[in-house]
N, C-alpha and C. Protein backbone atom coordinates (compact mmCIF):
# COMPACT_ATOMS: atom_id res chain seq x y z
N UNK A 1 -8.04 27.86 7.61
CA UNK A 1 -6.95 28.07 8.56
C UNK A 1 -5.70 27.33 8.11
N UNK A 2 -5.87 26.07 7.74
CA UNK A 2 -4.72 25.25 7.37
C UNK A 2 -4.00 25.81 6.16
N UNK A 3 -4.76 26.16 5.12
CA UNK A 3 -4.14 26.67 3.90
C UNK A 3 -3.38 27.97 4.17
N UNK A 4 -4.00 28.88 4.89
CA UNK A 4 -3.36 30.17 5.16
C UNK A 4 -2.14 29.99 6.07
N UNK A 5 -2.27 29.17 7.12
CA UNK A 5 -1.14 29.00 8.03
C UNK A 5 0.02 28.26 7.36
N UNK A 6 -0.29 27.24 6.56
CA UNK A 6 0.77 26.51 5.87
C UNK A 6 1.47 27.42 4.85
N UNK A 7 0.69 28.21 4.14
CA UNK A 7 1.30 29.13 3.17
C UNK A 7 2.16 30.17 3.87
N UNK A 8 1.68 30.70 4.97
CA UNK A 8 2.45 31.69 5.73
C UNK A 8 3.76 31.09 6.24
N UNK A 9 3.67 29.92 6.88
CA UNK A 9 4.88 29.29 7.41
C UNK A 9 5.83 28.88 6.30
N UNK A 10 5.29 28.43 5.18
CA UNK A 10 6.15 28.06 4.04
C UNK A 10 6.87 29.27 3.49
N UNK A 11 6.20 30.41 3.44
CA UNK A 11 6.84 31.63 2.95
C UNK A 11 7.94 32.09 3.90
N UNK A 12 7.69 32.02 5.19
CA UNK A 12 8.72 32.37 6.17
C UNK A 12 9.91 31.41 6.02
N UNK A 13 9.62 30.12 5.91
CA UNK A 13 10.68 29.13 5.76
C UNK A 13 11.46 29.35 4.47
N UNK A 14 10.77 29.72 3.40
CA UNK A 14 11.42 29.96 2.12
C UNK A 14 12.49 31.06 2.24
N UNK A 15 12.25 31.99 3.12
CA UNK A 15 13.19 33.09 3.32
C UNK A 15 14.29 32.72 4.33
N UNK A 16 13.91 32.10 5.44
CA UNK A 16 14.86 31.86 6.52
C UNK A 16 15.70 30.58 6.35
N UNK A 17 15.11 29.52 5.81
CA UNK A 17 15.83 28.25 5.74
C UNK A 17 17.11 28.31 4.92
N UNK A 18 17.12 28.95 3.76
CA UNK A 18 18.40 29.01 3.03
C UNK A 18 19.52 29.65 3.86
N UNK A 19 19.18 30.66 4.65
CA UNK A 19 20.17 31.30 5.51
C UNK A 19 20.61 30.31 6.60
N UNK A 20 19.64 29.64 7.23
CA UNK A 20 19.95 28.67 8.28
C UNK A 20 20.82 27.54 7.76
N UNK A 21 20.51 27.02 6.59
CA UNK A 21 21.27 25.89 6.06
C UNK A 21 22.69 26.31 5.68
N UNK A 22 22.87 27.54 5.26
CA UNK A 22 24.21 28.05 4.98
C UNK A 22 25.00 28.18 6.27
N UNK A 23 24.36 28.71 7.33
CA UNK A 23 25.01 28.85 8.64
C UNK A 23 25.41 27.48 9.17
N UNK A 24 24.56 26.46 8.94
CA UNK A 24 24.86 25.11 9.41
C UNK A 24 25.89 24.41 8.53
N UNK A 25 26.27 25.03 7.42
CA UNK A 25 27.31 24.49 6.56
C UNK A 25 26.87 23.33 5.68
N UNK A 26 25.59 23.27 5.35
CA UNK A 26 25.09 22.17 4.52
C UNK A 26 25.53 22.35 3.08
N UNK A 27 25.86 21.24 2.42
CA UNK A 27 26.21 21.28 1.00
C UNK A 27 24.92 21.32 0.17
N UNK A 28 25.06 21.30 -1.16
CA UNK A 28 23.89 21.41 -2.04
C UNK A 28 22.90 20.28 -1.84
N UNK A 29 23.38 19.05 -1.75
CA UNK A 29 22.48 17.91 -1.56
C UNK A 29 21.76 17.99 -0.23
N UNK A 30 22.49 18.35 0.82
CA UNK A 30 21.87 18.46 2.14
C UNK A 30 20.85 19.60 2.18
N UNK A 31 21.21 20.73 1.60
CA UNK A 31 20.28 21.87 1.57
C UNK A 31 19.03 21.52 0.76
N UNK A 32 19.21 20.84 -0.37
CA UNK A 32 18.07 20.43 -1.18
C UNK A 32 17.17 19.48 -0.41
N UNK A 33 17.78 18.53 0.29
CA UNK A 33 16.99 17.61 1.12
C UNK A 33 16.21 18.40 2.17
N UNK A 34 16.89 19.31 2.84
CA UNK A 34 16.25 20.08 3.91
C UNK A 34 15.07 20.90 3.39
N UNK A 35 15.28 21.58 2.28
CA UNK A 35 14.21 22.41 1.71
C UNK A 35 13.03 21.53 1.32
N UNK A 36 13.30 20.44 0.61
CA UNK A 36 12.22 19.57 0.16
C UNK A 36 11.52 18.82 1.28
N UNK A 37 12.25 18.52 2.35
CA UNK A 37 11.69 17.73 3.45
C UNK A 37 10.96 18.58 4.49
N UNK A 38 11.21 19.88 4.51
CA UNK A 38 10.67 20.67 5.62
C UNK A 38 9.67 21.74 5.24
N UNK A 39 9.70 22.23 4.03
CA UNK A 39 8.76 23.29 3.64
C UNK A 39 7.48 22.64 3.13
N UNK A 40 6.36 23.13 3.59
CA UNK A 40 5.07 22.50 3.31
C UNK A 40 4.59 22.69 1.88
N UNK A 41 4.68 23.88 1.36
CA UNK A 41 4.06 24.21 0.08
C UNK A 41 5.03 23.99 -1.08
N UNK A 42 4.55 23.35 -2.14
CA UNK A 42 5.40 23.03 -3.29
C UNK A 42 6.01 24.30 -3.89
N UNK A 43 5.22 25.33 -4.06
CA UNK A 43 5.73 26.56 -4.68
C UNK A 43 6.88 27.15 -3.88
N UNK A 44 6.76 27.15 -2.56
CA UNK A 44 7.82 27.70 -1.73
C UNK A 44 9.05 26.78 -1.72
N UNK A 45 8.85 25.47 -1.85
CA UNK A 45 9.98 24.55 -1.96
C UNK A 45 10.79 24.90 -3.20
N UNK A 46 10.10 25.05 -4.31
CA UNK A 46 10.78 25.39 -5.57
C UNK A 46 11.47 26.75 -5.45
N UNK A 47 10.76 27.72 -4.89
CA UNK A 47 11.34 29.06 -4.74
C UNK A 47 12.57 29.07 -3.85
N UNK A 48 12.49 28.41 -2.71
CA UNK A 48 13.62 28.38 -1.78
C UNK A 48 14.79 27.61 -2.37
N UNK A 49 14.50 26.47 -2.98
CA UNK A 49 15.58 25.65 -3.54
C UNK A 49 16.34 26.36 -4.63
N UNK A 50 15.61 26.89 -5.60
CA UNK A 50 16.28 27.54 -6.72
C UNK A 50 16.87 28.91 -6.34
N UNK A 51 16.44 29.48 -5.20
CA UNK A 51 17.07 30.72 -4.76
C UNK A 51 18.49 30.46 -4.26
N UNK A 52 18.75 29.20 -3.85
CA UNK A 52 20.10 28.84 -3.40
C UNK A 52 20.96 28.46 -4.60
N UNK A 53 20.47 27.51 -5.41
CA UNK A 53 21.18 27.11 -6.63
C UNK A 53 20.30 26.15 -7.42
N UNK A 54 20.69 25.90 -8.66
CA UNK A 54 19.95 24.96 -9.50
C UNK A 54 20.01 23.56 -8.91
N UNK A 55 21.18 23.15 -8.43
CA UNK A 55 21.32 21.82 -7.83
C UNK A 55 20.42 21.66 -6.62
N UNK A 56 20.41 22.65 -5.75
CA UNK A 56 19.56 22.59 -4.56
C UNK A 56 18.09 22.55 -4.97
N UNK A 57 17.72 23.37 -5.94
CA UNK A 57 16.34 23.39 -6.41
C UNK A 57 15.91 22.05 -6.97
N UNK A 58 16.79 21.41 -7.74
CA UNK A 58 16.47 20.10 -8.31
C UNK A 58 16.25 19.06 -7.21
N UNK A 59 17.17 19.01 -6.25
CA UNK A 59 17.05 18.04 -5.15
C UNK A 59 15.80 18.32 -4.32
N UNK A 60 15.58 19.60 -4.00
CA UNK A 60 14.42 19.98 -3.18
C UNK A 60 13.11 19.58 -3.86
N UNK A 61 13.02 19.82 -5.15
CA UNK A 61 11.80 19.49 -5.88
C UNK A 61 11.55 17.98 -5.88
N UNK A 62 12.59 17.21 -6.09
CA UNK A 62 12.44 15.75 -6.09
C UNK A 62 12.01 15.25 -4.71
N UNK A 63 12.64 15.76 -3.65
CA UNK A 63 12.28 15.35 -2.28
C UNK A 63 10.83 15.72 -1.98
N UNK A 64 10.41 16.92 -2.35
CA UNK A 64 9.03 17.35 -2.09
C UNK A 64 8.05 16.48 -2.87
N UNK A 65 8.37 16.18 -4.12
CA UNK A 65 7.48 15.33 -4.91
C UNK A 65 7.39 13.92 -4.32
N UNK A 66 8.49 13.42 -3.75
CA UNK A 66 8.44 12.13 -3.07
C UNK A 66 7.54 12.19 -1.84
N UNK A 67 7.60 13.30 -1.11
CA UNK A 67 6.71 13.48 0.04
C UNK A 67 5.26 13.46 -0.39
N UNK A 68 4.96 14.17 -1.46
CA UNK A 68 3.59 14.22 -1.96
C UNK A 68 3.14 12.84 -2.44
N UNK A 69 4.03 12.13 -3.12
CA UNK A 69 3.69 10.80 -3.62
C UNK A 69 3.42 9.81 -2.48
N UNK A 70 4.01 10.05 -1.33
CA UNK A 70 3.81 9.14 -0.20
C UNK A 70 2.49 9.38 0.54
N UNK A 71 1.83 10.49 0.27
CA UNK A 71 0.58 10.79 0.98
C UNK A 71 -0.47 9.69 0.80
N UNK A 72 -0.73 9.22 -0.42
CA UNK A 72 -1.73 8.14 -0.54
C UNK A 72 -1.30 6.86 0.19
N UNK A 73 -0.02 6.57 0.18
CA UNK A 73 0.47 5.37 0.87
C UNK A 73 0.21 5.49 2.37
N UNK A 74 0.52 6.63 2.93
CA UNK A 74 0.30 6.85 4.37
C UNK A 74 -1.20 6.78 4.67
N UNK A 75 -2.01 7.38 3.81
CA UNK A 75 -3.45 7.34 4.01
C UNK A 75 -3.98 5.91 3.99
N UNK A 76 -3.49 5.10 3.06
CA UNK A 76 -3.91 3.69 2.99
C UNK A 76 -3.52 2.95 4.26
N UNK A 77 -2.32 3.20 4.76
CA UNK A 77 -1.87 2.55 6.00
C UNK A 77 -2.77 2.95 7.17
N UNK A 78 -3.11 4.22 7.25
CA UNK A 78 -3.98 4.70 8.34
C UNK A 78 -5.36 4.06 8.23
N UNK A 79 -5.91 4.02 7.03
CA UNK A 79 -7.23 3.42 6.84
C UNK A 79 -7.21 1.94 7.21
N UNK A 80 -6.17 1.23 6.79
CA UNK A 80 -6.07 -0.19 7.13
C UNK A 80 -5.92 -0.39 8.64
N UNK A 81 -5.16 0.46 9.29
CA UNK A 81 -5.00 0.37 10.74
C UNK A 81 -6.33 0.63 11.45
N UNK A 82 -7.06 1.63 10.99
CA UNK A 82 -8.36 1.91 11.59
C UNK A 82 -9.35 0.79 11.32
N UNK A 83 -9.30 0.21 10.13
CA UNK A 83 -10.19 -0.89 9.80
C UNK A 83 -9.92 -2.08 10.71
N UNK A 84 -8.65 -2.32 11.03
CA UNK A 84 -8.29 -3.41 11.93
C UNK A 84 -8.82 -3.19 13.34
N UNK A 85 -8.90 -1.93 13.76
CA UNK A 85 -9.41 -1.61 15.09
C UNK A 85 -10.93 -1.70 15.17
N UNK A 86 -11.60 -1.59 14.03
CA UNK A 86 -13.06 -1.50 14.01
C UNK A 86 -13.72 -2.78 13.50
N UNK A 87 -13.12 -3.90 13.68
CA UNK A 87 -13.69 -5.14 13.15
C UNK A 87 -15.08 -5.41 13.71
N UNK A 88 -15.32 -5.05 14.96
CA UNK A 88 -16.62 -5.30 15.57
C UNK A 88 -17.66 -4.26 15.18
N UNK A 89 -17.21 -3.17 14.59
CA UNK A 89 -18.13 -2.11 14.19
C UNK A 89 -18.99 -2.54 13.02
N UNK A 90 -20.19 -1.98 12.96
CA UNK A 90 -21.03 -2.25 11.80
C UNK A 90 -20.62 -1.37 10.62
N UNK A 91 -19.98 -0.25 10.92
CA UNK A 91 -19.49 0.63 9.85
C UNK A 91 -18.07 0.19 9.50
N UNK A 92 -17.79 0.13 8.22
CA UNK A 92 -16.43 -0.21 7.81
C UNK A 92 -15.68 1.06 7.43
N UNK A 93 -14.38 1.03 7.57
CA UNK A 93 -13.55 2.16 7.18
C UNK A 93 -13.13 1.94 5.74
N UNK A 94 -13.42 2.93 4.90
CA UNK A 94 -13.10 2.80 3.48
C UNK A 94 -12.22 3.97 3.03
N UNK A 95 -11.45 3.69 2.00
CA UNK A 95 -10.66 4.76 1.40
C UNK A 95 -11.60 5.73 0.71
N UNK A 96 -11.30 7.02 0.79
CA UNK A 96 -12.09 7.99 0.03
C UNK A 96 -11.97 7.69 -1.47
N UNK A 97 -13.04 7.92 -2.20
CA UNK A 97 -13.05 7.59 -3.63
C UNK A 97 -11.99 8.36 -4.41
N UNK A 98 -11.67 9.59 -3.99
CA UNK A 98 -10.66 10.34 -4.72
C UNK A 98 -9.27 9.70 -4.58
N UNK A 99 -9.02 9.03 -3.44
CA UNK A 99 -7.74 8.35 -3.25
C UNK A 99 -7.67 7.12 -4.15
N UNK A 100 -8.76 6.37 -4.21
CA UNK A 100 -8.81 5.21 -5.09
C UNK A 100 -8.65 5.65 -6.54
N UNK A 101 -9.37 6.71 -6.93
CA UNK A 101 -9.25 7.23 -8.29
C UNK A 101 -7.85 7.70 -8.62
N UNK A 102 -7.21 8.38 -7.65
CA UNK A 102 -5.84 8.83 -7.84
C UNK A 102 -4.90 7.65 -8.07
N UNK A 103 -5.05 6.62 -7.24
CA UNK A 103 -4.19 5.44 -7.37
C UNK A 103 -4.39 4.74 -8.71
N UNK A 104 -5.64 4.61 -9.13
CA UNK A 104 -5.94 3.95 -10.41
C UNK A 104 -5.37 4.76 -11.57
N UNK A 105 -5.60 6.08 -11.56
CA UNK A 105 -5.08 6.92 -12.65
C UNK A 105 -3.56 6.96 -12.66
N UNK A 106 -2.95 6.96 -11.49
CA UNK A 106 -1.49 6.93 -11.41
C UNK A 106 -0.95 5.65 -12.02
N UNK A 107 -1.58 4.54 -11.68
CA UNK A 107 -1.14 3.25 -12.24
C UNK A 107 -1.32 3.22 -13.76
N UNK A 108 -2.46 3.69 -14.24
CA UNK A 108 -2.71 3.70 -15.68
C UNK A 108 -1.67 4.55 -16.40
N UNK A 109 -1.40 5.73 -15.85
CA UNK A 109 -0.41 6.62 -16.47
C UNK A 109 1.00 6.03 -16.38
N UNK A 110 1.35 5.46 -15.22
CA UNK A 110 2.69 4.91 -15.02
C UNK A 110 2.95 3.70 -15.93
N UNK A 111 1.92 2.95 -16.23
CA UNK A 111 2.07 1.78 -17.10
C UNK A 111 2.05 2.16 -18.58
N UNK A 112 1.85 3.45 -18.87
CA UNK A 112 1.87 3.91 -20.25
C UNK A 112 0.58 3.64 -21.01
N UNK A 113 -0.48 3.34 -20.29
CA UNK A 113 -1.76 3.03 -20.93
C UNK A 113 -2.56 4.28 -21.30
N UNK A 114 -2.13 5.43 -20.78
CA UNK A 114 -2.83 6.69 -21.05
C UNK A 114 -2.16 7.39 -22.21
N UNK A 115 -2.90 7.69 -23.28
CA UNK A 115 -2.29 8.39 -24.42
C UNK A 115 -1.70 9.73 -23.97
N UNK A 116 -0.58 10.10 -24.58
CA UNK A 116 0.13 11.33 -24.20
C UNK A 116 -0.77 12.55 -24.31
N UNK A 117 -1.61 12.59 -25.33
CA UNK A 117 -2.49 13.76 -25.51
C UNK A 117 -3.51 13.86 -24.38
N UNK A 118 -4.01 12.72 -23.93
CA UNK A 118 -4.96 12.72 -22.81
C UNK A 118 -4.25 13.12 -21.52
N UNK A 119 -3.05 12.60 -21.31
CA UNK A 119 -2.28 12.94 -20.12
C UNK A 119 -1.98 14.44 -20.08
N UNK A 120 -1.63 15.00 -21.22
CA UNK A 120 -1.32 16.44 -21.28
C UNK A 120 -2.54 17.28 -20.91
N UNK A 121 -3.69 16.93 -21.43
CA UNK A 121 -4.92 17.65 -21.11
C UNK A 121 -5.25 17.48 -19.62
N UNK A 122 -5.07 16.26 -19.10
CA UNK A 122 -5.35 16.00 -17.69
C UNK A 122 -4.43 16.81 -16.78
N UNK A 123 -3.16 16.92 -17.14
CA UNK A 123 -2.23 17.72 -16.34
C UNK A 123 -2.64 19.18 -16.34
N UNK A 124 -2.96 19.71 -17.51
CA UNK A 124 -3.40 21.11 -17.59
C UNK A 124 -4.68 21.34 -16.79
N UNK A 125 -5.65 20.43 -16.95
CA UNK A 125 -6.92 20.55 -16.25
C UNK A 125 -6.72 20.46 -14.74
N UNK A 126 -5.89 19.52 -14.29
CA UNK A 126 -5.68 19.37 -12.85
C UNK A 126 -5.00 20.61 -12.27
N UNK A 127 -4.08 21.20 -13.03
CA UNK A 127 -3.43 22.43 -12.57
C UNK A 127 -4.43 23.55 -12.38
N UNK A 128 -5.32 23.72 -13.36
CA UNK A 128 -6.34 24.77 -13.26
C UNK A 128 -7.32 24.49 -12.13
N UNK A 129 -7.71 23.23 -11.96
CA UNK A 129 -8.63 22.88 -10.87
C UNK A 129 -7.99 23.13 -9.51
N UNK A 130 -6.69 22.85 -9.39
CA UNK A 130 -5.98 23.12 -8.14
C UNK A 130 -5.95 24.62 -7.85
N UNK A 131 -5.65 25.43 -8.86
CA UNK A 131 -5.63 26.88 -8.68
C UNK A 131 -7.01 27.38 -8.27
N UNK A 132 -8.05 26.87 -8.90
CA UNK A 132 -9.41 27.28 -8.56
C UNK A 132 -9.75 26.89 -7.13
N UNK A 133 -9.40 25.67 -6.74
CA UNK A 133 -9.70 25.20 -5.39
C UNK A 133 -8.97 26.04 -4.33
N UNK A 134 -7.70 26.29 -4.55
CA UNK A 134 -6.93 27.09 -3.58
C UNK A 134 -7.45 28.52 -3.54
N UNK A 135 -7.80 29.06 -4.71
CA UNK A 135 -8.36 30.42 -4.75
C UNK A 135 -9.67 30.47 -3.98
N UNK A 136 -10.51 29.47 -4.16
CA UNK A 136 -11.79 29.42 -3.44
C UNK A 136 -11.56 29.37 -1.94
N UNK A 137 -10.59 28.58 -1.51
CA UNK A 137 -10.28 28.53 -0.08
C UNK A 137 -9.79 29.88 0.42
N UNK A 138 -8.94 30.53 -0.37
CA UNK A 138 -8.42 31.83 0.02
C UNK A 138 -9.50 32.89 0.11
N UNK A 139 -10.44 32.86 -0.83
CA UNK A 139 -11.53 33.84 -0.84
C UNK A 139 -12.42 33.63 0.39
N UNK A 140 -12.60 32.39 0.78
CA UNK A 140 -13.47 32.08 1.91
C UNK A 140 -12.76 32.22 3.26
N UNK A 141 -11.47 32.50 3.24
CA UNK A 141 -10.72 32.62 4.49
C UNK A 141 -11.03 33.95 5.15
N UNK A 142 -11.42 33.88 6.39
CA UNK A 142 -11.72 35.07 7.17
C UNK A 142 -10.69 35.14 8.29
N UNK A 143 -9.81 36.12 8.23
CA UNK A 143 -8.74 36.24 9.22
C UNK A 143 -9.30 36.38 10.63
N UNK A 144 -10.41 37.10 10.77
CA UNK A 144 -11.02 37.28 12.09
C UNK A 144 -11.43 35.92 12.67
N UNK A 145 -12.07 35.10 11.84
CA UNK A 145 -12.47 33.76 12.30
C UNK A 145 -11.25 32.91 12.65
N UNK A 146 -10.19 33.07 11.88
CA UNK A 146 -8.97 32.31 12.16
C UNK A 146 -8.39 32.70 13.52
N UNK A 147 -8.37 33.99 13.79
CA UNK A 147 -7.82 34.46 15.06
C UNK A 147 -8.66 33.99 16.24
N UNK A 148 -9.95 33.80 16.01
CA UNK A 148 -10.84 33.34 17.08
C UNK A 148 -10.62 31.86 17.40
N UNK A 149 -9.95 31.13 16.51
CA UNK A 149 -9.66 29.73 16.79
C UNK A 149 -8.77 29.57 18.01
N UNK A 150 -7.94 30.56 18.26
CA UNK A 150 -7.08 30.51 19.44
C UNK A 150 -5.66 30.09 19.12
N UNK A 151 -4.83 30.24 20.12
CA UNK A 151 -3.40 30.01 19.96
C UNK A 151 -3.07 28.54 19.77
N UNK A 152 -3.90 27.62 20.24
CA UNK A 152 -3.59 26.19 20.14
C UNK A 152 -3.49 25.73 18.69
N UNK A 153 -4.35 26.24 17.84
CA UNK A 153 -4.31 25.86 16.42
C UNK A 153 -3.01 26.34 15.77
N UNK A 154 -2.67 27.58 16.05
CA UNK A 154 -1.42 28.13 15.51
C UNK A 154 -0.23 27.35 16.07
N UNK A 155 -0.26 27.07 17.36
CA UNK A 155 0.84 26.34 18.00
C UNK A 155 1.00 24.95 17.38
N UNK A 156 -0.09 24.31 17.03
CA UNK A 156 -0.02 22.98 16.43
C UNK A 156 0.70 23.02 15.08
N UNK A 157 0.34 23.98 14.24
CA UNK A 157 0.96 24.08 12.92
C UNK A 157 2.43 24.48 13.05
N UNK A 158 2.73 25.41 13.92
CA UNK A 158 4.12 25.82 14.13
C UNK A 158 4.94 24.66 14.69
N UNK A 159 4.39 23.93 15.65
CA UNK A 159 5.09 22.78 16.23
C UNK A 159 5.37 21.73 15.17
N UNK A 160 4.39 21.43 14.33
CA UNK A 160 4.58 20.45 13.26
C UNK A 160 5.69 20.89 12.31
N UNK A 161 5.74 22.17 12.02
CA UNK A 161 6.78 22.71 11.14
C UNK A 161 8.15 22.56 11.80
N UNK A 162 8.24 22.86 13.08
CA UNK A 162 9.52 22.75 13.79
C UNK A 162 9.95 21.29 13.94
N UNK A 163 9.00 20.39 14.15
CA UNK A 163 9.34 18.96 14.25
C UNK A 163 9.92 18.47 12.92
N UNK A 164 9.30 18.87 11.80
CA UNK A 164 9.86 18.51 10.49
C UNK A 164 11.29 19.02 10.34
N UNK A 165 11.52 20.26 10.74
CA UNK A 165 12.84 20.86 10.63
C UNK A 165 13.85 20.09 11.49
N UNK A 166 13.49 19.79 12.71
CA UNK A 166 14.40 19.08 13.62
C UNK A 166 14.70 17.67 13.10
N UNK A 167 13.68 16.96 12.64
CA UNK A 167 13.90 15.62 12.10
C UNK A 167 14.80 15.65 10.87
N UNK A 168 14.58 16.62 9.99
CA UNK A 168 15.40 16.71 8.78
C UNK A 168 16.84 17.09 9.12
N UNK A 169 17.04 18.02 10.04
CA UNK A 169 18.40 18.38 10.45
C UNK A 169 19.09 17.16 11.07
N UNK A 170 18.36 16.41 11.89
CA UNK A 170 18.92 15.19 12.49
C UNK A 170 19.32 14.19 11.40
N UNK A 171 18.48 14.02 10.39
CA UNK A 171 18.79 13.10 9.28
C UNK A 171 20.07 13.52 8.57
N UNK A 172 20.23 14.81 8.36
CA UNK A 172 21.45 15.32 7.71
C UNK A 172 22.66 15.11 8.62
N UNK A 173 22.50 15.41 9.89
CA UNK A 173 23.63 15.32 10.83
C UNK A 173 24.13 13.89 11.02
N UNK A 174 23.20 12.91 10.98
CA UNK A 174 23.64 11.53 11.17
C UNK A 174 23.95 10.83 9.84
N UNK A 175 23.86 11.60 8.77
CA UNK A 175 24.28 11.08 7.47
C UNK A 175 23.23 10.34 6.67
N UNK A 176 21.95 10.48 7.01
CA UNK A 176 20.90 9.81 6.26
C UNK A 176 20.53 10.55 4.99
N UNK A 177 20.90 11.83 4.90
CA UNK A 177 20.57 12.64 3.73
C UNK A 177 21.78 13.42 3.30
N UNK A 178 21.97 13.50 1.99
CA UNK A 178 23.02 14.33 1.43
C UNK A 178 24.34 13.66 1.46
């Protein structure tokens, strides 16, 4: 449900947001911020940004990559907050191993300890694994089952998308972006 709804909303946003940002009179930096800060899917961020201009596409891609890079940080904060609440529990809250592995590999690569040839193979492999994973999710998606989830699930994803849009527009309007 999440993958299909996020992809659908991102595709709609990819088409409508450039028009909306032009109507609102946003410059290239502001439009790039808006695209990168509000569209969920990386591919649609790139598509929407570069459909406006190269400058907008560059800014949008950087903003989206910053959002993605912050995901492990936010996850760590949530885990630490939950761990603080569960001190009396016999079960401890731990970071998922893939998050720990991601952080370790990011640090190794950022410090230049990973040979370029290994990094290149890892990037190619991770790209293919991502395509396979998303394809598997898409193949297993049953639209009938999704519709049976009810309007609340759809409303949640649409609301989250609109909240992102409103927050980003507010940031632009008060001068925090662009």
